Amino acid sequence: MPSKTRNLINADIATTLAVSASQADPQQVYKLVEAISGETCGWVLLTTLKYVEADDVIERVHSSDPASHPIGGRKPLDKVTASHGSSSGDDVFLAATKADVQRDFFDYELLFELGIGSILNAPIRHAGRRLGSLNFCGADGMYGPESIETARILAGLLVPNLLIEMADTTA
């Protein structure tokens, strides 16, 4: 379980942009962001989701734990809109405590079994369009206001990859 050891630095951003520019496989960038996220925000579970508007769902495109949260897993938008962002908003969602997670997530029992008691979901948006979210799941009380800025930056670095994922869905 990665835990925060340092702040996000310009080299993290530059490396992520360079890998994104040179790799056709979005998984390479997701893996890099997973590693950077572990060092800068920490997590028990990290997932990246894309929005599939045609089916009214979110779909997992990356998971740090594919056994418990497999790639391709889907959730209906009507069950997660508050915690995964609205179609027009760009606010980061924070459930800072176990009580918040229980209140806001229908699958909280599974999350608790994994040791998750705090969730930070950063929207991934481009040109006013919702693309997905980068979801940090950590121990109770792990995330607070200081994590939000880092989460927003890391989520923003995934825009090109989510655009590729969404193009693959519609092709």
C-alpha atoms as a PDB file:
ATOM      1  CA  MET A   1       0.000   0.000   0.000  1.00  0.00           C
ATOM      2  CA  PRO A   2       1.777   3.165  -1.180  1.00  0.00           C
ATOM      3  CA  SER A   3       1.661   6.115   1.167  1.00  0.00           C
ATOM      4  CA  LYS A   4       2.657   9.728   0.630  1.00  0.00           C
ATOM      5  CA  THR A   5       6.390  10.285   0.787  1.00  0.00           C
ATOM      6  CA  ARG A   6       6.896  13.492  -1.180  1.00  0.00           C
ATOM      7  CA  ASN A   7       5.278  16.399  -3.012  1.00  0.00           C
ATOM      8  CA  LEU A   8       4.470  16.426  -6.716  1.00  0.00           C
ATOM      9  CA  ILE A   9       7.323  18.032  -8.677  1.00  0.00           C
ATOM     10  CA  ASN A  10       7.711  19.429 -12.175  1.00  0.00           C
ATOM     11  CA  ALA A  11       9.739  16.378 -13.224  1.00  0.00           C
ATOM     12  CA  ASP A  12       6.682  14.180 -12.503  1.00  0.00           C
ATOM     13  CA  ILE A  13       4.574  16.302 -14.805  1.00  0.00           C
ATOM     14  CA  ALA A  14       7.233  16.493 -17.535  1.00  0.00           C
ATOM     15  CA  THR A  15       7.828  12.730 -17.448  1.00  0.00           C
ATOM     16  CA  THR A  16       4.111  11.986 -17.635  1.00  0.00           C
ATOM     17  CA  LEU A  17       3.643  14.350 -20.572  1.00  0.00           C
ATOM     18  CA  ALA A  18       6.626  12.815 -22.382  1.00  0.00           C
ATOM     19  CA  VAL A  19       5.353   9.259 -21.896  1.00  0.00           C
ATOM     20  CA  SER A  20       1.867  10.332 -22.979  1.00  0.00           C
ATOM     21  CA  ALA A  21       3.288  11.934 -26.128  1.00  0.00           C
ATOM     22  CA  SER A  22       5.398   8.909 -27.047  1.00  0.00           C
ATOM     23  CA  GLN A  23       3.148   5.955 -26.130  1.00  0.00           C
ATOM     24  CA  ALA A  24       0.120   4.719 -28.040  1.00  0.00           C
ATOM     25  CA  ASP A  25      -0.876   2.528 -25.086  1.00  0.00           C
ATOM     26  CA  PRO A  26      -2.698   4.546 -22.393  1.00  0.00           C
ATOM     27  CA  GLN A  27      -1.841   1.841 -19.816  1.00  0.00           C
ATOM     28  CA  GLN A  28       1.776   3.063 -19.806  1.00  0.00           C
ATOM     29  CA  VAL A  29       0.623   6.490 -18.637  1.00  0.00           C
ATOM     30  CA  TYR A  30      -1.862   5.054 -16.131  1.00  0.00           C
ATOM     31  CA  LYS A  31       0.929   2.972 -14.579  1.00  0.00           C
ATOM     32  CA  LEU A  32       3.191   6.020 -14.331  1.00  0.00           C
ATOM     33  CA  VAL A  33       0.436   8.124 -12.724  1.00  0.00           C
ATOM     34  CA  GLU A  34      -0.248   5.190 -10.369  1.00  0.00           C
ATOM     35  CA  ALA A  35       3.391   5.255  -9.209  1.00  0.00           C
ATOM     36  CA  ILE A  36       3.513   9.039  -8.856  1.00  0.00           C
ATOM     37  CA  SER A  37       0.164   9.031  -7.016  1.00  0.00           C
ATOM     38  CA  GLY A  38       1.447   6.472  -4.557  1.00  0.00           C
ATOM     39  CA  GLU A  39       4.385   8.699  -3.705  1.00  0.00           C
ATOM     40  CA  THR A  40       2.514  12.021  -3.629  1.00  0.00           C
ATOM     41  CA  CYS A  41      -1.006  11.314  -2.321  1.00  0.00           C
ATOM     42  CA  GLY A  42      -0.815   7.699  -1.265  1.00  0.00           C
ATOM     43  CA  TRP A  43      -3.531   5.114  -1.807  1.00  0.00           C
ATOM     44  CA  VAL A  44      -4.845   1.691  -0.931  1.00  0.00           C
ATOM     45  CA  LEU A  45      -6.542   1.510  -4.342  1.00  0.00           C
ATOM     46  CA  LEU A  46      -6.212   3.795  -7.357  1.00  0.00           C
ATOM     47  CA  THR A  47      -8.573   3.601 -10.319  1.00  0.00           C
ATOM     48  CA  THR A  48      -9.144   5.557 -13.497  1.00  0.00           C
ATOM     49  CA  LEU A  49     -12.653   5.635 -14.935  1.00  0.00           C
ATOM     50  CA  LYS A  50     -14.022   6.787 -18.263  1.00  0.00           C
ATOM     51  CA  TYR A  51     -17.577   7.938 -18.858  1.00  0.00           C
ATOM     52  CA  VAL A  52     -19.604   5.981 -21.378  1.00  0.00           C
ATOM     53  CA  GLU A  53     -22.473   8.366 -21.982  1.00  0.00           C
ATOM     54  CA  ALA A  54     -24.241   6.118 -24.496  1.00  0.00           C
ATOM     55  CA  ASP A  55     -24.682   3.452 -21.798  1.00  0.00           C
ATOM     56  CA  ASP A  56     -25.044   5.937 -18.907  1.00  0.00           C
ATOM     57  CA  VAL A  57     -22.179   4.278 -16.969  1.00  0.00           C
ATOM     58  CA  ILE A  58     -18.628   4.794 -15.812  1.00  0.00           C
ATOM     59  CA  GLU A  59     -16.139   2.118 -16.812  1.00  0.00           C
ATOM     60  CA  ARG A  60     -12.825   1.271 -15.164  1.00  0.00           C
ATOM     61  CA  VAL A  61      -9.880   1.600 -17.579  1.00  0.00           C
ATOM     62  CA  HIS A  62      -7.116   1.196 -14.980  1.00  0.00           C
ATOM     63  CA  SER A  63      -6.893  -0.329 -11.521  1.00  0.00           C
ATOM     64  CA  SER A  64      -4.023  -0.747  -9.097  1.00  0.00           C
ATOM     65  CA  ASP A  65      -5.866  -3.879  -7.857  1.00  0.00           C
ATOM     66  CA  PRO A  66      -7.499  -5.607 -10.827  1.00  0.00           C
ATOM     67  CA  ALA A  67      -8.463  -8.596  -8.646  1.00  0.00           C
ATOM     68  CA  SER A  68     -10.898  -6.550  -6.559  1.00  0.00           C
ATOM     69  CA  HIS A  69     -11.618  -3.786  -9.097  1.00  0.00           C
ATOM     70  CA  PRO A  70     -11.084  -5.224 -12.606  1.00  0.00           C
ATOM     71  CA  ILE A  71     -10.581  -3.198 -15.746  1.00  0.00           C
ATOM     72  CA  GLY A  72     -13.859  -3.048 -17.638  1.00  0.00           C
ATOM     73  CA  GLY A  73     -15.963  -2.976 -14.456  1.00  0.00           C
ATOM     74  CA  ARG A  74     -18.918  -0.616 -14.757  1.00  0.00           C
ATOM     75  CA  LYS A  75     -21.218   1.313 -12.453  1.00  0.00           C
ATOM     76  CA  PRO A  76     -24.419   3.109 -13.454  1.00  0.00           C
ATOM     77  CA  LEU A  77     -24.116   6.894 -13.423  1.00  0.00           C
ATOM     78  CA  ASP A  78     -27.253   7.285 -11.332  1.00  0.00           C
ATOM     79  CA  LYS A  79     -25.526   5.470  -8.425  1.00  0.00           C
ATOM     80  CA  VAL A  80     -22.298   7.491  -8.542  1.00  0.00           C
ATOM     81  CA  THR A  81     -23.023  10.950  -9.951  1.00  0.00           C
ATOM     82  CA  ALA A  82     -22.458  12.757  -6.642  1.00  0.00           C
ATOM     83  CA  SER A  83     -19.161  11.024  -5.906  1.00  0.00           C
ATOM     84  CA  HIS A  84     -17.794  10.959  -9.453  1.00  0.00           C
ATOM     85  CA  GLY A  85     -18.786  14.441 -10.543  1.00  0.00           C
ATOM     86  CA  SER A  86     -21.649  15.908 -12.461  1.00  0.00           C
ATOM     87  CA  SER A  87     -21.600  16.424 -16.185  1.00  0.00           C
ATOM     88  CA  SER A  88     -20.969  20.144 -15.800  1.00  0.00           C
ATOM     89  CA  GLY A  89     -18.977  20.470 -12.578  1.00  0.00           C
ATOM     90  CA  ASP A  90     -15.258  20.172 -12.047  1.00  0.00           C
ATOM     91  CA  ASP A  91     -15.199  19.839  -8.277  1.00  0.00           C
ATOM     92  CA  VAL A  92     -13.045  17.202  -6.659  1.00  0.00           C
ATOM     93  CA  PHE A  93     -15.130  14.905  -4.457  1.00  0.00           C
ATOM     94  CA  LEU A  94     -13.799  14.065  -0.998  1.00  0.00           C
ATOM     95  CA  ALA A  95     -15.179  11.527   1.451  1.00  0.00           C
ATOM     96  CA  ALA A  96     -12.582  12.144   4.160  1.00  0.00           C
ATOM     97  CA  THR A  97     -13.720   9.562   6.724  1.00  0.00           C
ATOM     98  CA  LYS A  98     -15.244   6.092   6.954  1.00  0.00           C
ATOM     99  CA  ALA A  99     -18.546   7.694   7.917  1.00  0.00           C
ATOM    100  CA  ASP A 100     -18.435   9.773   4.718  1.00  0.00           C
ATOM    101  CA  VAL A 101     -17.613   6.697   2.624  1.00  0.00           C
ATOM    102  CA  GLN A 102     -20.519   4.771   4.152  1.00  0.00           C
ATOM    103  CA  ARG A 103     -22.871   7.674   3.469  1.00  0.00           C
ATOM    104  CA  ASP A 104     -21.726   8.272  -0.129  1.00  0.00           C
ATOM    105  CA  PHE A 105     -20.863   4.846  -1.592  1.00  0.00           C
ATOM    106  CA  PHE A 106     -23.340   2.015  -2.109  1.00  0.00           C
ATOM    107  CA  ASP A 107     -20.454  -0.513  -2.169  1.00  0.00           C
ATOM    108  CA  TYR A 108     -18.884   0.726   1.072  1.00  0.00           C
ATOM    109  CA  GLU A 109     -18.719  -2.760   2.618  1.00  0.00           C
ATOM    110  CA  LEU A 110     -16.316  -3.946  -0.111  1.00  0.00           C
ATOM    111  CA  LEU A 111     -14.319  -0.747   0.295  1.00  0.00           C
ATOM    112  CA  PHE A 112     -14.037  -1.252   4.062  1.00  0.00           C
ATOM    113  CA  GLU A 113     -12.867  -4.847   3.518  1.00  0.00           C
ATOM    114  CA  LEU A 114     -10.000  -3.445   1.443  1.00  0.00           C
ATOM    115  CA  GLY A 115      -9.020  -1.008   4.209  1.00  0.00           C
ATOM    116  CA  ILE A 116     -10.503   2.001   2.447  1.00  0.00           C
ATOM    117  CA  GLY A 117     -11.949   4.717   4.661  1.00  0.00           C
ATOM    118  CA  SER A 118     -11.266   7.869   2.601  1.00  0.00           C
ATOM    119  CA  ILE A 119     -11.924   8.581  -1.076  1.00  0.00           C
ATOM    120  CA  LEU A 120     -10.807  11.451  -3.281  1.00  0.00           C
ATOM    121  CA  ASN A 121     -12.211  11.526  -6.826  1.00  0.00           C
ATOM    122  CA  ALA A 122     -10.747  14.062  -9.259  1.00  0.00           C
ATOM    123  CA  PRO A 123     -12.682  14.709 -12.472  1.00  0.00           C
ATOM    124  CA  ILE A 124     -10.955  14.366 -15.828  1.00  0.00           C
ATOM    125  CA  ARG A 125     -12.413  16.981 -18.162  1.00  0.00           C
ATOM    126  CA  HIS A 126     -11.562  18.567 -21.492  1.00  0.00           C
ATOM    127  CA  ALA A 127     -13.192  21.439 -23.384  1.00  0.00           C
ATOM    128  CA  GLY A 128     -16.162  21.444 -21.021  1.00  0.00           C
ATOM    129  CA  ARG A 129     -16.724  17.727 -21.479  1.00  0.00           C
ATOM    130  CA  ARG A 130     -16.666  15.085 -18.757  1.00  0.00           C
ATOM    131  CA  LEU A 131     -14.250  12.296 -19.704  1.00  0.00           C
ATOM    132  CA  GLY A 132     -13.853  10.386 -16.447  1.00  0.00           C
ATOM    133  CA  SER A 133     -12.216  10.526 -13.046  1.00  0.00           C
ATOM    134  CA  LEU A 134      -9.057   9.564 -11.194  1.00  0.00           C
ATOM    135  CA  ASN A 135     -10.043   7.928  -7.904  1.00  0.00           C
ATOM    136  CA  PHE A 136      -7.795   7.744  -4.858  1.00  0.00           C
ATOM    137  CA  CYS A 137      -8.965   5.331  -2.161  1.00  0.00           C
ATOM    138  CA  GLY A 138      -7.035   5.474   1.104  1.00  0.00           C
ATOM    139  CA  ALA A 139      -7.194   4.796   4.804  1.00  0.00           C
ATOM    140  CA  ASP A 140      -9.620   6.662   7.050  1.00  0.00           C
ATOM    141  CA  GLY A 141      -8.606  10.338   7.165  1.00  0.00           C
ATOM    142  CA  MET A 142      -5.833   9.930   4.570  1.00  0.00           C
ATOM    143  CA  TYR A 143      -6.987  12.747   2.274  1.00  0.00           C
ATOM    144  CA  GLY A 144      -7.680  16.368   2.957  1.00  0.00           C
ATOM    145  CA  PRO A 145      -7.442  19.746   1.259  1.00  0.00           C
ATOM    146  CA  GLU A 146      -3.696  19.347   0.635  1.00  0.00           C
ATOM    147  CA  SER A 147      -4.333  16.280  -1.553  1.00  0.00           C
ATOM    148  CA  ILE A 148      -6.886  17.988  -3.792  1.00  0.00           C
ATOM    149  CA  GLU A 149      -4.426  20.106  -5.811  1.00  0.00           C
ATOM    150  CA  THR A 150      -2.175  17.140  -6.544  1.00  0.00           C
ATOM    151  CA  ALA A 151      -5.161  14.992  -7.514  1.00  0.00           C
ATOM    152  CA  ARG A 152      -6.418  17.682  -9.923  1.00  0.00           C
ATOM    153  CA  ILE A 153      -3.029  17.946 -11.631  1.00  0.00           C
ATOM    154  CA  LEU A 154      -2.605  14.182 -11.985  1.00  0.00           C
ATOM    155  CA  ALA A 155      -6.155  13.829 -13.316  1.00  0.00           C
ATOM    156  CA  GLY A 156      -5.496  16.589 -15.851  1.00  0.00           C
ATOM    157  CA  LEU A 157      -2.458  14.716 -17.135  1.00  0.00           C
ATOM    158  CA  LEU A 158      -4.776  11.844 -18.125  1.00  0.00           C
ATOM    159  CA  VAL A 159      -6.890  13.888 -20.566  1.00  0.00           C
ATOM    160  CA  PRO A 160      -5.097  12.633 -23.732  1.00  0.00           C
ATOM    161  CA  ASN A 161      -5.431   9.024 -22.582  1.00  0.00           C
ATOM    162  CA  LEU A 162      -9.135   9.308 -21.798  1.00  0.00           C
ATOM    163  CA  LEU A 163      -9.695  10.916 -25.201  1.00  0.00           C
ATOM    164  CA  ILE A 164      -8.052   7.836 -26.757  1.00  0.00           C
ATOM    165  CA  GLU A 165     -10.154   5.508 -24.584  1.00  0.00           C
ATOM    166  CA  MET A 166     -13.330   7.319 -25.573  1.00  0.00           C
ATOM    167  CA  ALA A 167     -12.419   7.307 -29.271  1.00  0.00           C
ATOM    168  CA  ASP A 168     -11.841   3.548 -29.051  1.00  0.00           C
ATOM    169  CA  THR A 169     -15.346   3.167 -27.566  1.00  0.00           C
ATOM    170  CA  THR A 170     -17.046   5.072 -30.370  1.00  0.00           C
ATOM    171  CA  ALA A 171     -14.979   3.634 -33.230  1.00  0.00           C
END
